[in-house]
Amino acid sequence: QCDNYTWRDSYGKVQGNCKTADNTNARWCYIPYGSSCNDQRTSKNRRDSYGNIRRWSYEACSTPARNSYQCSNGNYNNGFNNNNGNYNNGFNNNGNYNNGF
C-alpha cells in the first residue's frame, strides 16, 4: 500500500500517492519500508525523513489505503459488488475469490 508522501514538480503537478501517471500512463506511489509490492523501484532523488532513498510502485496503487475501511475490516475489494466480505479483484463477487469479470 501507498505511503501518502507527495511533492510538486517544477510544473506544479502533484507527484506520488497515485495522483498522476508517469510516461507509461500508469499511476504510481511511494511505498513504506518493508512493503511487499513485487514491482518496487528506487527513486532517483527522493529521500525519506531518515535520509533513505524512497521506493515506489505501480502495484501499490491497486490496493486500498492502509487506513481504509477495507484494510481495517479484513476486506479487499478492487472492483465492484463485493459481497460477504470476500476478496474481490474484479466484478460480481458472490462469495467466491474473483480475479476477473
N, C-alpha and C. Protein backbone atom coordinates (compact mmCIF):
# COMPACT_ATOMS: atom_id res chain seq x y z
N GLN A 1 0.81 -1.20 0.00
CA GLN A 1 0.00 0.00 0.00
C GLN A 1 0.85 1.25 0.00
N CYS A 2 0.26 2.32 -0.41
CA CYS A 2 0.98 3.56 -0.62
C CYS A 2 1.31 4.30 0.66
N ASP A 3 2.44 4.97 0.61
CA ASP A 3 2.80 5.98 1.58
C ASP A 3 2.11 7.25 1.08
N ASN A 4 1.71 8.14 1.94
CA ASN A 4 0.99 9.33 1.48
C ASN A 4 1.90 10.47 1.04
N TYR A 5 3.19 10.23 0.93
CA TYR A 5 4.15 11.25 0.53
C TYR A 5 3.90 11.72 -0.91
N THR A 6 3.84 13.03 -1.09
CA THR A 6 3.72 13.63 -2.42
C THR A 6 4.64 14.86 -2.49
N TRP A 7 4.87 15.32 -3.68
CA TRP A 7 5.62 16.56 -3.90
C TRP A 7 5.15 17.17 -5.22
N ARG A 8 5.44 18.46 -5.41
CA ARG A 8 5.06 19.15 -6.65
C ARG A 8 6.29 19.33 -7.51
N ASP A 9 6.14 18.98 -8.79
CA ASP A 9 7.25 19.16 -9.71
C ASP A 9 7.35 20.62 -10.15
N SER A 10 8.28 20.91 -11.03
CA SER A 10 8.52 22.30 -11.46
C SER A 10 7.35 22.88 -12.25
N TYR A 11 6.41 22.03 -12.69
CA TYR A 11 5.22 22.49 -13.39
C TYR A 11 4.02 22.62 -12.46
N GLY A 12 4.24 22.35 -11.16
CA GLY A 12 3.16 22.43 -10.18
C GLY A 12 2.30 21.19 -10.09
N LYS A 13 2.68 20.14 -10.77
CA LYS A 13 1.93 18.89 -10.80
C LYS A 13 2.29 18.02 -9.59
N VAL A 14 1.27 17.51 -8.89
CA VAL A 14 1.50 16.67 -7.72
C VAL A 14 2.02 15.31 -8.17
N GLN A 15 3.09 14.86 -7.57
CA GLN A 15 3.71 13.57 -7.87
C GLN A 15 3.59 12.66 -6.66
N GLY A 16 3.28 11.40 -6.90
CA GLY A 16 3.16 10.42 -5.81
C GLY A 16 1.73 10.19 -5.38
N ASN A 17 1.52 9.18 -4.56
CA ASN A 17 0.23 8.80 -3.98
C ASN A 17 -0.86 8.59 -5.04
N CYS A 18 -0.48 8.04 -6.19
CA CYS A 18 -1.41 7.70 -7.27
C CYS A 18 -2.13 8.92 -7.84
N LYS A 19 -1.58 10.10 -7.64
CA LYS A 19 -2.23 11.33 -8.10
C LYS A 19 -2.01 11.59 -9.58
N THR A 20 -0.88 11.13 -10.13
CA THR A 20 -0.57 11.36 -11.53
C THR A 20 -0.02 10.08 -12.14
N ALA A 21 -0.02 10.05 -13.46
CA ALA A 21 0.56 8.92 -14.18
C ALA A 21 1.92 9.32 -14.74
N ASP A 22 2.78 8.35 -14.91
CA ASP A 22 4.09 8.63 -15.48
C ASP A 22 4.06 8.51 -17.00
N ASN A 23 5.22 8.43 -17.64
CA ASN A 23 5.27 8.38 -19.11
C ASN A 23 4.73 7.08 -19.69
N THR A 24 4.43 6.08 -18.84
CA THR A 24 3.80 4.84 -19.30
C THR A 24 2.28 4.91 -19.14
N ASN A 25 1.78 6.05 -18.66
CA ASN A 25 0.36 6.27 -18.36
C ASN A 25 -0.14 5.44 -17.19
N ALA A 26 0.76 5.01 -16.34
CA ALA A 26 0.39 4.24 -15.15
C ALA A 26 0.57 5.11 -13.91
N ARG A 27 -0.36 4.98 -12.98
CA ARG A 27 -0.26 5.70 -11.71
C ARG A 27 0.69 4.96 -10.78
N TRP A 28 1.35 5.70 -9.93
CA TRP A 28 2.35 5.12 -9.04
C TRP A 28 2.32 5.85 -7.71
N CYS A 29 3.00 5.28 -6.71
CA CYS A 29 3.12 5.95 -5.41
C CYS A 29 4.38 5.48 -4.72
N TYR A 30 4.80 6.26 -3.73
CA TYR A 30 5.90 5.84 -2.88
C TYR A 30 5.36 4.80 -1.91
N ILE A 31 6.21 3.90 -1.49
CA ILE A 31 5.78 2.82 -0.60
C ILE A 31 6.63 2.82 0.67
N PRO A 32 6.05 2.38 1.76
CA PRO A 32 6.80 2.36 3.02
C PRO A 32 7.86 1.26 3.03
N TYR A 33 8.85 1.45 3.87
CA TYR A 33 9.89 0.43 4.06
C TYR A 33 9.22 -0.89 4.46
N GLY A 34 9.65 -1.99 3.87
CA GLY A 34 9.09 -3.29 4.18
C GLY A 34 7.88 -3.66 3.35
N SER A 35 7.51 -2.85 2.38
CA SER A 35 6.36 -3.13 1.53
C SER A 35 6.57 -4.45 0.80
N SER A 36 5.47 -5.15 0.55
CA SER A 36 5.54 -6.44 -0.15
C SER A 36 5.27 -6.31 -1.65
N CYS A 37 5.22 -5.10 -2.18
CA CYS A 37 4.97 -4.93 -3.61
C CYS A 37 6.06 -5.61 -4.42
N ASN A 38 5.64 -6.32 -5.44
CA ASN A 38 6.59 -7.07 -6.27
C ASN A 38 7.31 -6.23 -7.31
N ASP A 39 6.84 -5.01 -7.54
CA ASP A 39 7.43 -4.19 -8.59
C ASP A 39 8.18 -2.98 -8.03
N GLN A 40 8.71 -3.08 -6.84
CA GLN A 40 9.39 -1.95 -6.19
C GLN A 40 10.55 -1.43 -7.03
N ARG A 41 10.63 -0.10 -7.07
CA ARG A 41 11.74 0.57 -7.75
C ARG A 41 12.30 1.64 -6.83
N THR A 42 13.53 2.02 -7.07
CA THR A 42 14.18 3.03 -6.25
C THR A 42 14.04 4.41 -6.89
N SER A 43 13.68 5.39 -6.08
CA SER A 43 13.58 6.76 -6.55
C SER A 43 14.95 7.28 -6.96
N LYS A 44 14.97 8.16 -7.92
CA LYS A 44 16.24 8.74 -8.36
C LYS A 44 16.76 9.77 -7.37
N ASN A 45 15.84 10.50 -6.71
CA ASN A 45 16.32 11.60 -5.85
C ASN A 45 15.45 11.91 -4.64
N ARG A 46 14.43 11.16 -4.36
CA ARG A 46 13.56 11.45 -3.21
C ARG A 46 13.99 10.62 -2.01
N ARG A 47 14.09 11.28 -0.87
CA ARG A 47 14.52 10.62 0.37
C ARG A 47 13.46 10.77 1.44
N ASP A 48 13.44 9.80 2.36
CA ASP A 48 12.51 9.89 3.48
C ASP A 48 13.12 10.74 4.59
N SER A 49 12.43 10.87 5.69
CA SER A 49 12.88 11.73 6.79
C SER A 49 14.15 11.21 7.48
N TYR A 50 14.54 9.96 7.19
CA TYR A 50 15.77 9.40 7.76
C TYR A 50 16.94 9.49 6.78
N GLY A 51 16.69 10.06 5.59
CA GLY A 51 17.73 10.20 4.60
C GLY A 51 17.85 9.01 3.65
N ASN A 52 16.96 8.03 3.79
CA ASN A 52 16.99 6.85 2.93
C ASN A 52 16.29 7.15 1.60
N ILE A 53 16.81 6.60 0.52
CA ILE A 53 16.17 6.74 -0.79
C ILE A 53 14.79 6.10 -0.73
N ARG A 54 13.78 6.82 -1.20
CA ARG A 54 12.42 6.28 -1.21
C ARG A 54 12.28 5.23 -2.30
N ARG A 55 11.32 4.32 -2.10
CA ARG A 55 10.97 3.32 -3.08
C ARG A 55 9.57 3.60 -3.57
N TRP A 56 9.24 3.18 -4.80
CA TRP A 56 7.93 3.44 -5.36
C TRP A 56 7.43 2.21 -6.10
N SER A 57 6.12 2.23 -6.41
CA SER A 57 5.49 1.05 -7.01
C SER A 57 4.24 1.46 -7.79
N TYR A 58 3.96 0.72 -8.86
CA TYR A 58 2.68 0.83 -9.55
C TYR A 58 1.65 -0.04 -8.83
N GLU A 59 2.09 -1.22 -8.44
CA GLU A 59 1.21 -2.22 -7.81
C GLU A 59 0.49 -1.65 -6.59
N ALA A 60 1.18 -0.83 -5.82
CA ALA A 60 0.59 -0.29 -4.60
C ALA A 60 -0.65 0.56 -4.87
N CYS A 61 -0.75 1.14 -6.05
CA CYS A 61 -1.92 1.95 -6.39
C CYS A 61 -3.17 1.10 -6.60
N SER A 62 -3.02 -0.20 -6.72
CA SER A 62 -4.18 -1.07 -6.91
C SER A 62 -4.65 -1.70 -5.61
N THR A 63 -4.09 -1.29 -4.48
CA THR A 63 -4.51 -1.79 -3.18
C THR A 63 -5.16 -0.67 -2.39
N PRO A 64 -6.04 -1.01 -1.44
CA PRO A 64 -6.66 0.05 -0.64
C PRO A 64 -5.65 0.74 0.28
N ALA A 65 -5.96 1.94 0.66
CA ALA A 65 -5.10 2.67 1.60
C ALA A 65 -5.00 1.91 2.92
N ARG A 66 -3.85 2.03 3.59
CA ARG A 66 -3.64 1.30 4.84
C ARG A 66 -4.68 1.62 5.89
N ASN A 67 -5.19 2.84 5.92
CA ASN A 67 -6.18 3.23 6.93
C ASN A 67 -7.60 3.13 6.40
N SER A 68 -7.80 2.44 5.28
CA SER A 68 -9.12 2.34 4.67
C SER A 68 -10.02 1.37 5.43
N TYR A 69 -11.31 1.48 5.16
CA TYR A 69 -12.30 0.57 5.75
C TYR A 69 -11.98 -0.87 5.37
N GLN A 70 -11.60 -1.09 4.09
CA GLN A 70 -11.32 -2.45 3.63
C GLN A 70 -10.19 -3.09 4.42
N CYS A 71 -9.12 -2.36 4.66
CA CYS A 71 -7.99 -2.93 5.39
C CYS A 71 -8.31 -3.12 6.86
N SER A 72 -9.01 -2.18 7.44
CA SER A 72 -9.29 -2.29 8.87
C SER A 72 -10.31 -3.39 9.18
N ASN A 73 -11.07 -3.84 8.17
CA ASN A 73 -12.05 -4.88 8.39
C ASN A 73 -11.71 -6.19 7.69
N GLY A 74 -10.49 -6.31 7.19
CA GLY A 74 -10.05 -7.56 6.58
C GLY A 74 -10.62 -7.82 5.20
N ASN A 75 -11.22 -6.81 4.57
CA ASN A 75 -11.77 -6.99 3.23
C ASN A 75 -10.84 -6.34 2.22
N TYR A 76 -10.85 -6.86 1.02
CA TYR A 76 -10.09 -6.24 -0.06
C TYR A 76 -10.97 -6.25 -1.29
N ASN A 77 -11.29 -5.07 -1.81
CA ASN A 77 -12.15 -5.00 -2.98
C ASN A 77 -11.55 -4.02 -3.97
N ASN A 78 -11.09 -4.54 -5.09
CA ASN A 78 -10.57 -3.67 -6.13
C ASN A 78 -11.48 -3.71 -7.35
N GLY A 79 -12.75 -3.92 -7.11
CA GLY A 79 -13.70 -4.00 -8.21
C GLY A 79 -15.05 -3.49 -7.77
N PHE A 80 -16.07 -4.26 -8.08
CA PHE A 80 -17.43 -3.83 -7.77
C PHE A 80 -18.20 -4.97 -7.12
N ASN A 81 -19.25 -4.63 -6.37
CA ASN A 81 -20.17 -5.60 -5.79
C ASN A 81 -19.49 -6.64 -4.91
N ASN A 82 -18.66 -6.20 -3.99
CA ASN A 82 -18.02 -7.14 -3.07
C ASN A 82 -19.04 -7.60 -2.04
N ASN A 83 -19.38 -8.86 -2.04
CA ASN A 83 -20.39 -9.41 -1.14
C ASN A 83 -19.77 -10.36 -0.14
N ASN A 84 -20.32 -10.39 1.02
CA ASN A 84 -19.93 -11.32 2.07
C ASN A 84 -18.50 -11.16 2.56
N GLY A 85 -17.88 -10.00 2.35
CA GLY A 85 -16.55 -9.72 2.89
C GLY A 85 -15.43 -10.53 2.28
N ASN A 86 -15.57 -10.95 1.06
CA ASN A 86 -14.54 -11.78 0.44
C ASN A 86 -13.65 -10.95 -0.48
N TYR A 87 -12.49 -11.50 -0.77
CA TYR A 87 -11.52 -10.86 -1.65
C TYR A 87 -12.10 -10.77 -3.06
N ASN A 88 -12.09 -9.57 -3.63
CA ASN A 88 -12.63 -9.38 -4.97
C ASN A 88 -11.73 -8.44 -5.76
N ASN A 89 -11.12 -8.94 -6.80
CA ASN A 89 -10.30 -8.09 -7.64
C ASN A 89 -10.94 -7.96 -9.02
N GLY A 90 -12.25 -8.02 -9.06
CA GLY A 90 -12.93 -7.92 -10.35
C GLY A 90 -14.35 -7.44 -10.16
N PHE A 91 -15.30 -8.21 -10.67
CA PHE A 91 -16.68 -7.80 -10.65
C PHE A 91 -17.57 -8.95 -10.15
N ASN A 92 -18.69 -8.59 -9.53
CA ASN A 92 -19.74 -9.53 -9.17
C ASN A 92 -19.27 -10.72 -8.34
N ASN A 93 -18.64 -10.43 -7.23
CA ASN A 93 -18.18 -11.49 -6.33
C ASN A 93 -19.32 -11.89 -5.41
N ASN A 94 -19.78 -13.11 -5.49
CA ASN A 94 -20.87 -13.59 -4.64
C ASN A 94 -20.39 -14.72 -3.73
N GLY A 95 -19.37 -14.43 -2.97
CA GLY A 95 -18.87 -15.41 -2.02
C GLY A 95 -17.68 -16.20 -2.51
N ASN A 96 -17.15 -15.86 -3.64
CA ASN A 96 -16.01 -16.58 -4.18
C ASN A 96 -14.86 -15.62 -4.49
N TYR A 97 -13.66 -16.16 -4.51
CA TYR A 97 -12.50 -15.39 -4.94
C TYR A 97 -12.66 -15.08 -6.42
N ASN A 98 -12.58 -13.81 -6.78
CA ASN A 98 -12.82 -13.41 -8.15
C ASN A 98 -11.71 -12.49 -8.62
N ASN A 99 -10.95 -12.92 -9.59
CA ASN A 99 -9.87 -12.09 -10.12
C ASN A 99 -10.12 -11.77 -11.59
N GLY A 100 -11.37 -11.56 -11.94
CA GLY A 100 -11.68 -11.26 -13.32
C GLY A 100 -13.03 -10.58 -13.44
N PHE A 101 -13.85 -11.07 -14.34
CA PHE A 101 -15.14 -10.42 -14.59
C PHE A 101 -16.27 -11.38 -14.31
